[in-house]
Amino acid sequence: MGDGCLMEGISHEVCSLAGTLGLGKLIGFYDHNGISIDGETEGWFTDDTAKRFEAYHWHVIHEIDGHDPQAVKKAILEAQSVKDKPSLIICRTVIGFGSPNKAGKEEAHGAPLGEEEVALARQKLGWHHPPFEIPKDIYHAWDAREKGEKAQQRWNEKFAAYKKAHPQLAEEGDVSN
């Protein structure tokens, strides 16, 4: 969720409901970069988002560095340990991170950086791979096919056992029909 998202009325309704229902497996990330589609939010978006979510009965993890993978991982682990209510991880970020001329500016919101700025950002971030190429080590680290196939196999086995024990209920709940 971004700054603009949290200004919308629907965010109040759905987040309040999630807290009321105690949805302990729900983890929300608030990308707090101070920029919305209308520009900088300072001065006109003055909500205390952390207090708002605490009032909704959410577990709130305050102001982590959203560009630090270890801080994000630590926050996720903390959020996963809370079982009785949803968690909000407030990530301080810079919109257009790595862009030498547009980082932190509204020009980086909802518009392409442009070919020249992308080249400058790639240089600044030390990214030397061609566009759309994912290095093999990164690809393999993020490849979830094997894990997904194992999870699907476990689910299929569990559902087959359920179907055997409760054929009528299983048929009603089987959306593949």
C-alpha atoms as a PDB file:
ATOM      1  CA  MET A   1       0.000   0.000   0.000  1.00  0.00           C
ATOM      2  CA  GLY A   2       1.287   3.428  -0.823  1.00  0.00           C
ATOM      3  CA  ASP A   3       0.645   6.847   0.647  1.00  0.00           C
ATOM      4  CA  GLY A   4      -2.127   7.492  -1.882  1.00  0.00           C
ATOM      5  CA  CYS A   5      -3.725   4.096  -1.227  1.00  0.00           C
ATOM      6  CA  LEU A   6      -4.031   4.854   2.469  1.00  0.00           C
ATOM      7  CA  MET A   7      -5.827   8.121   1.737  1.00  0.00           C
ATOM      8  CA  GLU A   8      -8.664   6.225   0.080  1.00  0.00           C
ATOM      9  CA  GLY A   9     -11.768   5.551   2.169  1.00  0.00           C
ATOM     10  CA  ILE A  10     -11.856   1.888   1.230  1.00  0.00           C
ATOM     11  CA  SER A  11      -8.520   1.370   2.991  1.00  0.00           C
ATOM     12  CA  HIS A  12     -10.123   2.443   6.265  1.00  0.00           C
ATOM     13  CA  GLU A  13     -13.015   0.029   5.840  1.00  0.00           C
ATOM     14  CA  VAL A  14     -11.083  -3.034   4.765  1.00  0.00           C
ATOM     15  CA  CYS A  15      -8.241  -2.546   7.264  1.00  0.00           C
ATOM     16  CA  SER A  16     -10.688  -2.047  10.115  1.00  0.00           C
ATOM     17  CA  LEU A  17     -12.503  -5.235   9.120  1.00  0.00           C
ATOM     18  CA  ALA A  18      -9.229  -7.197   8.918  1.00  0.00           C
ATOM     19  CA  GLY A  19      -8.385  -6.092  12.460  1.00  0.00           C
ATOM     20  CA  THR A  20     -11.872  -6.891  13.728  1.00  0.00           C
ATOM     21  CA  LEU A  21     -11.666 -10.377  12.217  1.00  0.00           C
ATOM     22  CA  GLY A  22      -8.171 -10.905  13.640  1.00  0.00           C
ATOM     23  CA  LEU A  23      -6.680 -11.987  10.311  1.00  0.00           C
ATOM     24  CA  GLY A  24      -3.348 -13.084  11.756  1.00  0.00           C
ATOM     25  CA  LYS A  25      -1.939 -14.358   8.469  1.00  0.00           C
ATOM     26  CA  LEU A  26      -2.378 -10.989   6.751  1.00  0.00           C
ATOM     27  CA  ILE A  27       0.758  -8.883   6.378  1.00  0.00           C
ATOM     28  CA  GLY A  28       0.482  -5.460   4.765  1.00  0.00           C
ATOM     29  CA  PHE A  29       3.425  -3.413   3.556  1.00  0.00           C
ATOM     30  CA  TYR A  30       3.099   0.366   3.677  1.00  0.00           C
ATOM     31  CA  ASP A  31       5.474   1.867   1.114  1.00  0.00           C
ATOM     32  CA  HIS A  32       5.905   5.190   2.904  1.00  0.00           C
ATOM     33  CA  ASN A  33       7.794   7.384   0.455  1.00  0.00           C
ATOM     34  CA  GLY A  34       5.902  10.650   0.924  1.00  0.00           C
ATOM     35  CA  ILE A  35       4.811  10.813  -2.722  1.00  0.00           C
ATOM     36  CA  SER A  36       1.366  10.264  -4.220  1.00  0.00           C
ATOM     37  CA  ILE A  37       0.056  10.671  -7.747  1.00  0.00           C
ATOM     38  CA  ASP A  38      -0.662  14.300  -6.772  1.00  0.00           C
ATOM     39  CA  GLY A  39       2.885  15.021  -5.588  1.00  0.00           C
ATOM     40  CA  GLU A  40       4.528  15.277  -2.182  1.00  0.00           C
ATOM     41  CA  THR A  41       2.211  14.356   0.685  1.00  0.00           C
ATOM     42  CA  GLU A  42       3.818  16.486   3.385  1.00  0.00           C
ATOM     43  CA  GLY A  43       1.405  19.082   4.706  1.00  0.00           C
ATOM     44  CA  TRP A  44      -1.795  17.480   3.480  1.00  0.00           C
ATOM     45  CA  PHE A  45      -1.540  13.795   4.429  1.00  0.00           C
ATOM     46  CA  THR A  46      -1.070  14.158   8.151  1.00  0.00           C
ATOM     47  CA  ASP A  47      -2.523  10.873   9.416  1.00  0.00           C
ATOM     48  CA  ASP A  48      -0.470   8.987  11.963  1.00  0.00           C
ATOM     49  CA  THR A  49      -0.714   5.749  10.016  1.00  0.00           C
ATOM     50  CA  ALA A  50       0.869   3.627  12.751  1.00  0.00           C
ATOM     51  CA  LYS A  51      -1.659   4.829  15.345  1.00  0.00           C
ATOM     52  CA  ARG A  52      -4.496   4.388  12.863  1.00  0.00           C
ATOM     53  CA  PHE A  53      -3.582   0.733  12.306  1.00  0.00           C
ATOM     54  CA  GLU A  54      -3.018   0.140  16.013  1.00  0.00           C
ATOM     55  CA  ALA A  55      -6.561   1.449  16.545  1.00  0.00           C
ATOM     56  CA  TYR A  56      -7.726  -1.120  13.986  1.00  0.00           C
ATOM     57  CA  HIS A  57      -6.106  -3.804  16.198  1.00  0.00           C
ATOM     58  CA  TRP A  58      -3.166  -4.453  13.902  1.00  0.00           C
ATOM     59  CA  HIS A  59       0.375  -5.303  14.964  1.00  0.00           C
ATOM     60  CA  VAL A  60       2.520  -2.446  13.620  1.00  0.00           C
ATOM     61  CA  ILE A  61       6.213  -2.688  12.798  1.00  0.00           C
ATOM     62  CA  HIS A  62       7.478   0.874  12.646  1.00  0.00           C
ATOM     63  CA  GLU A  63       9.660   2.572  10.040  1.00  0.00           C
ATOM     64  CA  ILE A  64      12.018  -0.046   8.659  1.00  0.00           C
ATOM     65  CA  ASP A  65      14.364   0.717   5.767  1.00  0.00           C
ATOM     66  CA  GLY A  66      12.388  -0.624   2.833  1.00  0.00           C
ATOM     67  CA  HIS A  67      15.561  -0.809   0.738  1.00  0.00           C
ATOM     68  CA  ASP A  68      17.331  -3.116   3.222  1.00  0.00           C
ATOM     69  CA  PRO A  69      16.496  -6.768   2.439  1.00  0.00           C
ATOM     70  CA  GLN A  70      17.636  -7.933   5.884  1.00  0.00           C
ATOM     71  CA  ALA A  71      15.411  -5.382   7.644  1.00  0.00           C
ATOM     72  CA  VAL A  72      12.468  -6.452   5.474  1.00  0.00           C
ATOM     73  CA  LYS A  73      13.120 -10.139   6.188  1.00  0.00           C
ATOM     74  CA  LYS A  74      13.373  -9.484   9.943  1.00  0.00           C
ATOM     75  CA  ALA A  75      10.086  -7.551   9.861  1.00  0.00           C
ATOM     76  CA  ILE A  76       8.346 -10.353   7.942  1.00  0.00           C
ATOM     77  CA  LEU A  77       9.517 -12.919  10.498  1.00  0.00           C
ATOM     78  CA  GLU A  78       8.232 -10.724  13.323  1.00  0.00           C
ATOM     79  CA  ALA A  79       4.885 -10.277  11.553  1.00  0.00           C
ATOM     80  CA  GLN A  80       4.583 -14.025  10.972  1.00  0.00           C
ATOM     81  CA  SER A  81       5.031 -14.626  14.697  1.00  0.00           C
ATOM     82  CA  VAL A  82       1.862 -12.633  15.467  1.00  0.00           C
ATOM     83  CA  LYS A  83      -1.036 -15.040  15.054  1.00  0.00           C
ATOM     84  CA  ASP A  84      -4.063 -13.166  16.412  1.00  0.00           C
ATOM     85  CA  LYS A  85      -4.101  -9.989  14.326  1.00  0.00           C
ATOM     86  CA  PRO A  86      -2.889  -8.646  10.997  1.00  0.00           C
ATOM     87  CA  SER A  87       0.471  -6.899  10.776  1.00  0.00           C
ATOM     88  CA  LEU A  88       1.506  -3.704   9.021  1.00  0.00           C
ATOM     89  CA  ILE A  89       5.152  -3.229   8.101  1.00  0.00           C
ATOM     90  CA  ILE A  90       5.888   0.456   7.562  1.00  0.00           C
ATOM     91  CA  CYS A  91       8.714   0.683   5.033  1.00  0.00           C
ATOM     92  CA  ARG A  92      10.474   4.002   4.568  1.00  0.00           C
ATOM     93  CA  THR A  93      11.473   4.129   0.923  1.00  0.00           C
ATOM     94  CA  VAL A  94      12.607   6.576  -1.710  1.00  0.00           C
ATOM     95  CA  ILE A  95      10.478   6.543  -4.829  1.00  0.00           C
ATOM     96  CA  GLY A  96      12.672   6.025  -7.872  1.00  0.00           C
ATOM     97  CA  PHE A  97      15.454   4.612  -5.685  1.00  0.00           C
ATOM     98  CA  GLY A  98      18.721   4.598  -7.618  1.00  0.00           C
ATOM     99  CA  SER A  99      17.602   7.150 -10.174  1.00  0.00           C
ATOM    100  CA  PRO A 100      20.166   9.972 -10.039  1.00  0.00           C
ATOM    101  CA  ASN A 101      17.753  12.706 -11.144  1.00  0.00           C
ATOM    102  CA  LYS A 102      14.297  11.465 -10.149  1.00  0.00           C
ATOM    103  CA  ALA A 103      14.757   9.645  -6.829  1.00  0.00           C
ATOM    104  CA  GLY A 104      12.417  11.090  -4.211  1.00  0.00           C
ATOM    105  CA  LYS A 105      10.518  13.145  -6.759  1.00  0.00           C
ATOM    106  CA  GLU A 106       6.986  12.845  -8.061  1.00  0.00           C
ATOM    107  CA  GLU A 107       8.332  12.449 -11.624  1.00  0.00           C
ATOM    108  CA  ALA A 108       9.188   8.867 -10.622  1.00  0.00           C
ATOM    109  CA  HIS A 109       5.535   8.128  -9.769  1.00  0.00           C
ATOM    110  CA  GLY A 110       3.459   6.526 -12.492  1.00  0.00           C
ATOM    111  CA  ALA A 111       5.690   7.448 -15.411  1.00  0.00           C
ATOM    112  CA  PRO A 112       8.646   5.762 -17.064  1.00  0.00           C
ATOM    113  CA  LEU A 113      12.055   7.066 -16.056  1.00  0.00           C
ATOM    114  CA  GLY A 114      13.124   7.266 -19.679  1.00  0.00           C
ATOM    115  CA  GLU A 115      15.967   5.520 -21.455  1.00  0.00           C
ATOM    116  CA  GLU A 116      18.702   7.945 -20.356  1.00  0.00           C
ATOM    117  CA  GLU A 117      17.654   7.941 -16.694  1.00  0.00           C
ATOM    118  CA  VAL A 118      17.394   4.135 -16.661  1.00  0.00           C
ATOM    119  CA  ALA A 119      20.948   3.924 -18.027  1.00  0.00           C
ATOM    120  CA  LEU A 120      22.158   6.311 -15.302  1.00  0.00           C
ATOM    121  CA  ALA A 121      20.318   4.357 -12.590  1.00  0.00           C
ATOM    122  CA  ARG A 122      21.751   1.050 -13.809  1.00  0.00           C
ATOM    123  CA  GLN A 123      25.226   2.571 -13.691  1.00  0.00           C
ATOM    124  CA  LYS A 124      24.691   4.041 -10.218  1.00  0.00           C
ATOM    125  CA  LEU A 125      23.346   0.726  -8.866  1.00  0.00           C
ATOM    126  CA  GLY A 126      26.100  -1.320 -10.510  1.00  0.00           C
ATOM    127  CA  TRP A 127      23.656  -3.340 -12.609  1.00  0.00           C
ATOM    128  CA  HIS A 128      25.562  -4.465 -15.690  1.00  0.00           C
ATOM    129  CA  HIS A 129      23.113  -7.013 -17.098  1.00  0.00           C
ATOM    130  CA  PRO A 130      21.087  -6.336 -20.243  1.00  0.00           C
ATOM    131  CA  PRO A 131      17.439  -5.281 -19.851  1.00  0.00           C
ATOM    132  CA  PHE A 132      15.101  -8.120 -18.875  1.00  0.00           C
ATOM    133  CA  GLU A 133      17.986 -10.508 -18.189  1.00  0.00           C
ATOM    134  CA  ILE A 134      17.919 -12.083 -14.749  1.00  0.00           C
ATOM    135  CA  PRO A 135      21.283 -13.471 -13.629  1.00  0.00           C
ATOM    136  CA  LYS A 136      21.152 -17.241 -13.102  1.00  0.00           C
ATOM    137  CA  ASP A 137      22.028 -17.084  -9.382  1.00  0.00           C
ATOM    138  CA  ILE A 138      19.189 -14.639  -8.708  1.00  0.00           C
ATOM    139  CA  TYR A 139      16.767 -16.591 -10.891  1.00  0.00           C
ATOM    140  CA  HIS A 140      17.534 -19.859  -9.085  1.00  0.00           C
ATOM    141  CA  ALA A 141      17.280 -18.229  -5.647  1.00  0.00           C
ATOM    142  CA  TRP A 142      13.772 -16.967  -6.474  1.00  0.00           C
ATOM    143  CA  ASP A 143      12.532 -19.948  -8.498  1.00  0.00           C
ATOM    144  CA  ALA A 144       9.579 -21.340  -6.527  1.00  0.00           C
ATOM    145  CA  ARG A 145       8.467 -24.062  -8.940  1.00  0.00           C
ATOM    146  CA  GLU A 146       9.843 -27.006  -6.933  1.00  0.00           C
ATOM    147  CA  LYS A 147       8.391 -25.681  -3.689  1.00  0.00           C
ATOM    148  CA  GLY A 148       5.055 -25.022  -5.416  1.00  0.00           C
ATOM    149  CA  GLU A 149       4.942 -28.472  -6.975  1.00  0.00           C
ATOM    150  CA  LYS A 150       5.551 -30.087  -3.577  1.00  0.00           C
ATOM    151  CA  ALA A 151       2.835 -27.953  -1.978  1.00  0.00           C
ATOM    152  CA  GLN A 152       0.416 -28.855  -4.769  1.00  0.00           C
ATOM    153  CA  GLN A 153       1.214 -32.559  -4.336  1.00  0.00           C
ATOM    154  CA  ARG A 154       0.550 -32.330  -0.561  1.00  0.00           C
ATOM    155  CA  TRP A 155      -2.731 -30.520  -1.219  1.00  0.00           C
ATOM    156  CA  ASN A 156      -3.838 -33.075  -3.804  1.00  0.00           C
ATOM    157  CA  GLU A 157      -3.102 -35.920  -1.382  1.00  0.00           C
ATOM    158  CA  LYS A 158      -4.947 -34.165   1.444  1.00  0.00           C
ATOM    159  CA  PHE A 159      -7.951 -33.424  -0.776  1.00  0.00           C
ATOM    160  CA  ALA A 160      -8.034 -37.012  -2.078  1.00  0.00           C
ATOM    161  CA  ALA A 161      -8.211 -38.281   1.519  1.00  0.00           C
ATOM    162  CA  TYR A 162     -10.947 -35.745   2.299  1.00  0.00           C
ATOM    163  CA  LYS A 163     -12.843 -36.753  -0.841  1.00  0.00           C
ATOM    164  CA  LYS A 164     -12.700 -40.387   0.214  1.00  0.00           C
ATOM    165  CA  ALA A 165     -13.990 -39.592   3.714  1.00  0.00           C
ATOM    166  CA  HIS A 166     -16.590 -36.980   2.645  1.00  0.00           C
ATOM    167  CA  PRO A 167     -17.474 -37.500  -1.048  1.00  0.00           C
ATOM    168  CA  GLN A 168     -20.543 -35.253  -1.155  1.00  0.00           C
ATOM    169  CA  LEU A 169     -18.891 -32.333   0.639  1.00  0.00           C
ATOM    170  CA  ALA A 170     -15.762 -32.734  -1.469  1.00  0.00           C
ATOM    171  CA  GLU A 171     -17.802 -32.571  -4.664  1.00  0.00           C
ATOM    172  CA  GLU A 172     -19.496 -29.366  -3.496  1.00  0.00           C
ATOM    173  CA  GLY A 173     -16.133 -27.789  -2.691  1.00  0.00           C
ATOM    174  CA  ASP A 174     -14.292 -28.977  -5.798  1.00  0.00           C
ATOM    175  CA  VAL A 175     -14.063 -25.937  -8.053  1.00  0.00           C
ATOM    176  CA  SER A 176     -12.352 -27.903 -10.838  1.00  0.00           C
ATOM    177  CA  ASN A 177     -15.724 -29.401 -11.887  1.00  0.00           C
END
